[in-house]
């Protein structure tokens, strides 16, 4: 087992773990946490929300760094696309660009929902819609990734 292989394997594992969090947590929030917290009093909801977000925002920021680092390592380091014919290389780069743009949108939405900025309070006030958007965007990224993996 070479060092390059080991680095690529670890990067892939970390990237998949970050992806699991990026889509799994919004699904949990939307379909489990949000409906369950409606049973709480408003004061209890606020305490629960702040307790969760205080921990989650740290995970979001780490996840974004891990995603970017491992994604670019895989894209530039492993560079499977170098062995493709020109048409497949074009399609791969096109899909990668779309996936990256969607991921950047997900990073922004996740940061906005987990953060404390007053400028983004409107997004947090409409969290249900934005969590729905995160789930849909995440499913798009998973679908594109599946296509790219088998190119």
C-alpha atoms as a PDB file:
ATOM      1  CA  UNK A   1       0.000   0.000   0.000  1.00  0.00           C
ATOM      2  CA  UNK A   2       1.604   3.247  -1.156  1.00  0.00           C
ATOM      3  CA  UNK A   3       1.366   6.564   0.658  1.00  0.00           C
ATOM      4  CA  UNK A   4      -0.509   8.076  -2.293  1.00  0.00           C
ATOM      5  CA  UNK A   5      -3.070   5.278  -2.176  1.00  0.00           C
ATOM      6  CA  UNK A   6      -3.454   5.664   1.587  1.00  0.00           C
ATOM      7  CA  UNK A   7      -3.947   9.455   1.329  1.00  0.00           C
ATOM      8  CA  UNK A   8      -6.527   8.996  -1.414  1.00  0.00           C
ATOM      9  CA  UNK A   9      -8.333   6.352   0.635  1.00  0.00           C
ATOM     10  CA  UNK A  10      -8.422   8.541   3.768  1.00  0.00           C
ATOM     11  CA  UNK A  11      -9.526  11.574   1.726  1.00  0.00           C
ATOM     12  CA  UNK A  12     -12.319   9.535   0.150  1.00  0.00           C
ATOM     13  CA  UNK A  13     -13.442   8.223   3.534  1.00  0.00           C
ATOM     14  CA  UNK A  14     -13.469  11.707   5.089  1.00  0.00           C
ATOM     15  CA  UNK A  15     -15.303  13.112   2.059  1.00  0.00           C
ATOM     16  CA  UNK A  16     -18.009  10.450   2.284  1.00  0.00           C
ATOM     17  CA  UNK A  17     -18.357  10.980   6.048  1.00  0.00           C
ATOM     18  CA  UNK A  18     -18.777  14.735   5.523  1.00  0.00           C
ATOM     19  CA  UNK A  19     -21.344  14.005   2.791  1.00  0.00           C
ATOM     20  CA  UNK A  20     -23.252  11.693   5.109  1.00  0.00           C
ATOM     21  CA  UNK A  21     -23.454  14.489   7.674  1.00  0.00           C
ATOM     22  CA  UNK A  22     -24.280  17.149   5.081  1.00  0.00           C
ATOM     23  CA  UNK A  23     -27.356  15.275   3.919  1.00  0.00           C
ATOM     24  CA  UNK A  24     -28.178  13.099   6.931  1.00  0.00           C
ATOM     25  CA  UNK A  25     -28.447  15.886   9.468  1.00  0.00           C
ATOM     26  CA  UNK A  26     -30.817  18.036   7.369  1.00  0.00           C
ATOM     27  CA  UNK A  27     -33.009  14.964   6.792  1.00  0.00           C
ATOM     28  CA  UNK A  28     -33.013  14.292  10.555  1.00  0.00           C
ATOM     29  CA  UNK A  29     -33.753  17.947  11.304  1.00  0.00           C
ATOM     30  CA  UNK A  30     -36.581  18.206   8.779  1.00  0.00           C
ATOM     31  CA  UNK A  31     -38.383  14.949   9.405  1.00  0.00           C
ATOM     32  CA  UNK A  32     -37.596  14.211  13.078  1.00  0.00           C
ATOM     33  CA  UNK A  33     -36.390  17.222  15.062  1.00  0.00           C
ATOM     34  CA  UNK A  34     -38.584  19.964  13.602  1.00  0.00           C
ATOM     35  CA  UNK A  35     -41.858  18.051  14.024  1.00  0.00           C
ATOM     36  CA  UNK A  36     -40.874  16.831  17.521  1.00  0.00           C
ATOM     37  CA  UNK A  37     -39.951  20.268  18.840  1.00  0.00           C
ATOM     38  CA  UNK A  38     -43.415  21.639  18.017  1.00  0.00           C
ATOM     39  CA  UNK A  39     -44.574  19.738  21.116  1.00  0.00           C
ATOM     40  CA  UNK A  40     -42.385  21.951  23.313  1.00  0.00           C
ATOM     41  CA  UNK A  41     -43.231  25.328  24.787  1.00  0.00           C
ATOM     42  CA  UNK A  42     -41.681  28.309  22.971  1.00  0.00           C
ATOM     43  CA  UNK A  43     -39.103  28.861  25.732  1.00  0.00           C
ATOM     44  CA  UNK A  44     -38.066  25.219  25.694  1.00  0.00           C
ATOM     45  CA  UNK A  45     -37.808  25.310  21.904  1.00  0.00           C
ATOM     46  CA  UNK A  46     -35.446  28.282  22.052  1.00  0.00           C
ATOM     47  CA  UNK A  47     -33.227  26.588  24.660  1.00  0.00           C
ATOM     48  CA  UNK A  48     -33.127  23.345  22.666  1.00  0.00           C
ATOM     49  CA  UNK A  49     -32.417  25.201  19.428  1.00  0.00           C
ATOM     50  CA  UNK A  50     -29.506  27.172  20.879  1.00  0.00           C
ATOM     51  CA  UNK A  51     -28.033  24.085  22.564  1.00  0.00           C
ATOM     52  CA  UNK A  52     -28.124  22.160  19.287  1.00  0.00           C
ATOM     53  CA  UNK A  53     -26.835  25.027  17.152  1.00  0.00           C
ATOM     54  CA  UNK A  54     -23.954  25.797  19.533  1.00  0.00           C
ATOM     55  CA  UNK A  55     -22.578  22.329  18.861  1.00  0.00           C
ATOM     56  CA  UNK A  56     -23.746  21.958  15.277  1.00  0.00           C
ATOM     57  CA  UNK A  57     -22.148  25.186  13.998  1.00  0.00           C
ATOM     58  CA  UNK A  58     -18.703  23.826  14.925  1.00  0.00           C
ATOM     59  CA  UNK A  59     -19.433  20.616  13.008  1.00  0.00           C
ATOM     60  CA  UNK A  60     -20.693  22.614  10.000  1.00  0.00           C
ATOM     61  CA  UNK A  61     -17.511  24.671   9.772  1.00  0.00           C
ATOM     62  CA  UNK A  62     -15.256  21.618  10.148  1.00  0.00           C
ATOM     63  CA  UNK A  63     -17.363  19.715   7.616  1.00  0.00           C
ATOM     64  CA  UNK A  64     -16.994  22.507   5.043  1.00  0.00           C
ATOM     65  CA  UNK A  65     -13.203  22.540   5.426  1.00  0.00           C
ATOM     66  CA  UNK A  66     -13.025  18.731   5.210  1.00  0.00           C
ATOM     67  CA  UNK A  67     -15.315  18.716   2.164  1.00  0.00           C
ATOM     68  CA  UNK A  68     -13.273  21.299   0.292  1.00  0.00           C
ATOM     69  CA  UNK A  69      -9.882  19.811   1.190  1.00  0.00           C
ATOM     70  CA  UNK A  70     -10.800  16.214   0.401  1.00  0.00           C
ATOM     71  CA  UNK A  71     -12.824  17.144  -2.685  1.00  0.00           C
ATOM     72  CA  UNK A  72      -9.982  19.080  -4.236  1.00  0.00           C
ATOM     73  CA  UNK A  73      -7.474  16.396  -3.217  1.00  0.00           C
ATOM     74  CA  UNK A  74      -9.593  13.770  -4.951  1.00  0.00           C
ATOM     75  CA  UNK A  75     -10.172  15.940  -8.014  1.00  0.00           C
ATOM     76  CA  UNK A  76      -6.576  17.104  -8.449  1.00  0.00           C
ATOM     77  CA  UNK A  77      -4.618  14.358  -6.695  1.00  0.00           C
ATOM     78  CA  UNK A  78      -6.401  11.207  -7.785  1.00  0.00           C
ATOM     79  CA  UNK A  79      -7.491  12.880 -11.043  1.00  0.00           C
ATOM     80  CA  UNK A  80      -9.319   9.899 -12.537  1.00  0.00           C
ATOM     81  CA  UNK A  81     -10.424  12.203 -15.353  1.00  0.00           C
ATOM     82  CA  UNK A  82      -6.895  12.272 -16.828  1.00  0.00           C
ATOM     83  CA  UNK A  83      -7.455   8.777 -18.238  1.00  0.00           C
ATOM     84  CA  UNK A  84     -10.759   9.712 -19.912  1.00  0.00           C
ATOM     85  CA  UNK A  85     -11.263  10.431 -23.593  1.00  0.00           C
ATOM     86  CA  UNK A  86     -11.916  14.134 -24.411  1.00  0.00           C
ATOM     87  CA  UNK A  87     -15.727  13.797 -24.455  1.00  0.00           C
ATOM     88  CA  UNK A  88     -15.813  12.000 -21.102  1.00  0.00           C
ATOM     89  CA  UNK A  89     -13.371  14.544 -19.646  1.00  0.00           C
ATOM     90  CA  UNK A  90     -15.687  17.365 -20.725  1.00  0.00           C
ATOM     91  CA  UNK A  91     -18.732  15.658 -19.159  1.00  0.00           C
ATOM     92  CA  UNK A  92     -16.793  14.909 -15.973  1.00  0.00           C
ATOM     93  CA  UNK A  93     -15.658  18.528 -15.597  1.00  0.00           C
ATOM     94  CA  UNK A  94     -19.147  19.793 -16.372  1.00  0.00           C
ATOM     95  CA  UNK A  95     -20.662  17.561 -13.694  1.00  0.00           C
ATOM     96  CA  UNK A  96     -17.891  18.484 -11.255  1.00  0.00           C
ATOM     97  CA  UNK A  97     -18.602  22.188 -11.806  1.00  0.00           C
ATOM     98  CA  UNK A  98     -22.332  21.724 -11.226  1.00  0.00           C
ATOM     99  CA  UNK A  99     -21.642  19.635  -8.134  1.00  0.00           C
ATOM    100  CA  UNK A 100     -19.242  22.251  -6.776  1.00  0.00           C
ATOM    101  CA  UNK A 101     -21.745  25.074  -7.290  1.00  0.00           C
ATOM    102  CA  UNK A 102     -24.474  23.093  -5.540  1.00  0.00           C
ATOM    103  CA  UNK A 103     -22.064  22.240  -2.705  1.00  0.00           C
ATOM    104  CA  UNK A 104     -21.147  25.927  -2.280  1.00  0.00           C
ATOM    105  CA  UNK A 105     -24.860  26.762  -2.029  1.00  0.00           C
ATOM    106  CA  UNK A 106     -25.224  24.016   0.597  1.00  0.00           C
ATOM    107  CA  UNK A 107     -22.264  25.408   2.546  1.00  0.00           C
ATOM    108  CA  UNK A 108     -23.855  28.849   2.557  1.00  0.00           C
ATOM    109  CA  UNK A 109     -27.274  27.596   3.649  1.00  0.00           C
ATOM    110  CA  UNK A 110     -25.778  25.360   6.351  1.00  0.00           C
ATOM    111  CA  UNK A 111     -23.622  28.201   7.653  1.00  0.00           C
ATOM    112  CA  UNK A 112     -26.553  30.607   7.617  1.00  0.00           C
ATOM    113  CA  UNK A 113     -28.802  28.205   9.527  1.00  0.00           C
ATOM    114  CA  UNK A 114     -26.131  27.300  12.088  1.00  0.00           C
ATOM    115  CA  UNK A 115     -24.710  30.800  12.467  1.00  0.00           C
ATOM    116  CA  UNK A 116     -25.675  33.806  14.531  1.00  0.00           C
ATOM    117  CA  UNK A 117     -25.446  36.633  11.999  1.00  0.00           C
ATOM    118  CA  UNK A 118     -28.275  39.123  12.287  1.00  0.00           C
ATOM    119  CA  UNK A 119     -28.158  39.618   8.514  1.00  0.00           C
ATOM    120  CA  UNK A 120     -29.201  35.978   7.999  1.00  0.00           C
ATOM    121  CA  UNK A 121     -31.840  35.844  10.747  1.00  0.00           C
ATOM    122  CA  UNK A 122     -34.536  35.787   8.048  1.00  0.00           C
ATOM    123  CA  UNK A 123     -33.194  32.487   6.749  1.00  0.00           C
ATOM    124  CA  UNK A 124     -33.198  31.019  10.253  1.00  0.00           C
ATOM    125  CA  UNK A 125     -36.763  32.246  10.744  1.00  0.00           C
ATOM    126  CA  UNK A 126     -37.767  30.278   7.637  1.00  0.00           C
ATOM    127  CA  UNK A 127     -35.607  27.264   8.524  1.00  0.00           C
ATOM    128  CA  UNK A 128     -38.102  24.684   7.294  1.00  0.00           C
ATOM    129  CA  UNK A 129     -37.850  25.931   3.713  1.00  0.00           C
ATOM    130  CA  UNK A 130     -34.055  26.155   3.841  1.00  0.00           C
ATOM    131  CA  UNK A 131     -33.680  22.690   5.366  1.00  0.00           C
ATOM    132  CA  UNK A 132     -35.921  21.370   2.568  1.00  0.00           C
ATOM    133  CA  UNK A 133     -33.597  23.092   0.092  1.00  0.00           C
ATOM    134  CA  UNK A 134     -30.571  21.483   1.777  1.00  0.00           C
ATOM    135  CA  UNK A 135     -32.131  18.040   1.480  1.00  0.00           C
ATOM    136  CA  UNK A 136     -32.965  18.536  -2.216  1.00  0.00           C
ATOM    137  CA  UNK A 137     -29.550  19.995  -3.025  1.00  0.00           C
ATOM    138  CA  UNK A 138     -27.857  17.169  -1.132  1.00  0.00           C
ATOM    139  CA  UNK A 139     -29.800  14.572  -3.078  1.00  0.00           C
ATOM    140  CA  UNK A 140     -28.734  16.278  -6.315  1.00  0.00           C
ATOM    141  CA  UNK A 141     -25.074  16.130  -5.247  1.00  0.00           C
ATOM    142  CA  UNK A 142     -25.399  12.439  -4.360  1.00  0.00           C
ATOM    143  CA  UNK A 143     -26.998  11.727  -7.742  1.00  0.00           C
ATOM    144  CA  UNK A 144     -24.317  13.620  -9.655  1.00  0.00           C
ATOM    145  CA  UNK A 145     -21.610  11.911  -7.610  1.00  0.00           C
ATOM    146  CA  UNK A 146     -23.061   8.530  -8.499  1.00  0.00           C
ATOM    147  CA  UNK A 147     -22.942   9.358 -12.197  1.00  0.00           C
ATOM    148  CA  UNK A 148     -19.378  10.676 -11.904  1.00  0.00           C
ATOM    149  CA  UNK A 149     -18.201   7.594 -10.024  1.00  0.00           C
ATOM    150  CA  UNK A 150     -19.153   5.300 -12.866  1.00  0.00           C
ATOM    151  CA  UNK A 151     -17.697   7.394 -15.686  1.00  0.00           C
END
